[in-house]
């Protein structure tokens, strides 16, 4: 029974060693892309179109005195500018919405 006395503390120590302490949550940014990496046309188009559309809509809403509501805009939900020739829809949709939110923030706060 003496061995059982040391097993639980050893398991707890090993768990903390492997998982880390809960009070130290560090966000680690992904590494930058390697040199010569080209952004796929689908992603590039989605980010460009989303940011442009979002900044226009954000500036318009700020100018008209509307509240900050980027997710309620029809364009945010429909993600215009997609063409099936670019590739699958879901990556376009996700990147468009992310860029739209950044653009809306910039447009709304600039106007």
Protein backbone atom coordinates (compact mmCIF):
# COMPACT_ATOMS: atom_id res chain seq x y z
CA UNK A 1 0.00 0.00 0.00
CA UNK A 2 2.96 2.35 0.26
CA UNK A 3 3.21 2.57 -3.52
CA UNK A 4 -0.43 3.73 -3.79
CA UNK A 5 0.44 6.71 -1.60
CA UNK A 6 2.83 8.03 -4.24
CA UNK A 7 0.85 7.16 -7.36
CA UNK A 8 -1.80 9.90 -7.06
CA UNK A 9 0.69 12.75 -6.48
CA UNK A 10 2.83 11.44 -9.35
CA UNK A 11 -0.18 11.36 -11.69
CA UNK A 12 -1.22 14.89 -10.70
CA UNK A 13 2.32 16.18 -11.17
CA UNK A 14 2.63 14.50 -14.58
CA UNK A 15 -0.73 15.91 -15.66
CA UNK A 16 0.25 19.44 -14.66
CA UNK A 17 3.60 19.03 -16.34
CA UNK A 18 2.02 17.95 -19.61
CA UNK A 19 -1.04 20.23 -19.68
CA UNK A 20 0.32 23.25 -17.84
CA UNK A 21 -1.30 25.34 -15.20
CA UNK A 22 -4.80 26.67 -15.91
CA UNK A 23 -3.87 30.19 -14.82
CA UNK A 24 -1.28 30.53 -17.57
CA UNK A 25 -3.14 30.44 -20.87
CA UNK A 26 -0.84 31.65 -23.58
CA UNK A 27 -2.04 32.36 -27.08
CA UNK A 28 0.53 31.28 -29.58
CA UNK A 29 0.31 32.85 -33.01
CA UNK A 30 0.83 30.57 -35.96
CA UNK A 31 4.18 30.92 -37.68
CA UNK A 32 4.31 33.15 -40.74
CA UNK A 33 4.00 31.47 -44.12
CA UNK A 34 7.24 30.34 -45.70
CA UNK A 35 8.92 32.66 -48.21
CA UNK A 36 7.38 32.46 -51.63
CA UNK A 37 4.02 31.33 -50.24
CA UNK A 38 1.14 32.60 -52.33
CA UNK A 39 -2.31 33.10 -50.85
CA UNK A 40 -4.80 31.00 -52.84
CA UNK A 41 -6.98 33.11 -55.18
CA UNK A 42 -10.11 31.99 -53.33
CA UNK A 43 -8.84 33.34 -50.00
CA UNK A 44 -7.40 36.49 -51.53
CA UNK A 45 -10.68 37.28 -53.31
CA UNK A 46 -12.71 36.61 -50.16
CA UNK A 47 -10.52 38.83 -47.99
CA UNK A 48 -10.40 41.65 -50.51
CA UNK A 49 -14.14 41.57 -51.20
CA UNK A 50 -15.08 41.15 -47.54
CA UNK A 51 -12.90 44.00 -46.30
CA UNK A 52 -14.07 46.37 -49.05
CA UNK A 53 -17.75 45.55 -48.51
CA UNK A 54 -17.45 45.72 -44.73
CA UNK A 55 -15.68 49.07 -44.72
CA UNK A 56 -18.28 50.55 -47.07
CA UNK A 57 -21.15 49.25 -44.95
CA UNK A 58 -19.51 50.36 -41.71
CA UNK A 59 -18.88 53.88 -43.02
CA UNK A 60 -22.47 54.07 -44.31
CA UNK A 61 -23.93 52.97 -40.97
CA UNK A 62 -21.77 55.44 -39.03
CA UNK A 63 -22.68 58.27 -41.40
CA UNK A 64 -26.40 57.49 -41.08
CA UNK A 65 -26.18 57.31 -37.28
CA UNK A 66 -26.99 53.62 -37.07
CA UNK A 67 -25.64 51.43 -34.33
CA UNK A 68 -22.66 49.13 -34.73
CA UNK A 69 -24.27 45.96 -36.13
CA UNK A 70 -21.96 44.28 -38.64
CA UNK A 71 -23.50 40.81 -38.34
CA UNK A 72 -27.02 41.98 -39.15
CA UNK A 73 -26.17 43.18 -42.66
CA UNK A 74 -27.46 41.11 -45.56
CA UNK A 75 -24.07 41.16 -47.28
CA UNK A 76 -22.39 39.65 -44.22
CA UNK A 77 -24.71 36.67 -44.40
CA UNK A 78 -24.79 36.23 -48.19
CA UNK A 79 -21.05 36.78 -48.86
CA UNK A 80 -21.20 38.34 -52.34
CA UNK A 81 -18.40 37.97 -54.87
CA UNK A 82 -18.13 34.18 -54.76
CA UNK A 83 -17.66 32.32 -58.00
CA UNK A 84 -17.60 28.50 -58.20
CA UNK A 85 -14.49 28.73 -60.40
CA UNK A 86 -12.55 29.94 -57.35
CA UNK A 87 -13.07 26.76 -55.39
CA UNK A 88 -15.21 25.53 -52.46
CA UNK A 89 -17.72 27.89 -50.91
CA UNK A 90 -17.07 27.35 -47.18
CA UNK A 91 -13.47 28.73 -47.11
CA UNK A 92 -14.64 31.73 -49.15
CA UNK A 93 -17.57 32.30 -46.79
CA UNK A 94 -15.44 32.07 -43.64
CA UNK A 95 -12.67 34.36 -44.93
CA UNK A 96 -15.18 36.84 -46.34
CA UNK A 97 -16.96 37.17 -43.01
CA UNK A 98 -13.73 37.57 -41.06
CA UNK A 99 -12.52 40.30 -43.44
CA UNK A 100 -15.97 41.91 -43.45
CA UNK A 101 -15.88 42.32 -39.67
CA UNK A 102 -12.41 43.91 -39.83
CA UNK A 103 -13.51 46.22 -42.65
CA UNK A 104 -16.74 47.17 -40.93
CA UNK A 105 -14.83 48.10 -37.78
CA UNK A 106 -12.42 50.28 -39.76
CA UNK A 107 -15.18 51.91 -41.80
CA UNK A 108 -17.45 52.53 -38.85
CA UNK A 109 -14.75 54.11 -36.72
CA UNK A 110 -13.21 56.14 -39.54
CA UNK A 111 -16.40 57.89 -40.62
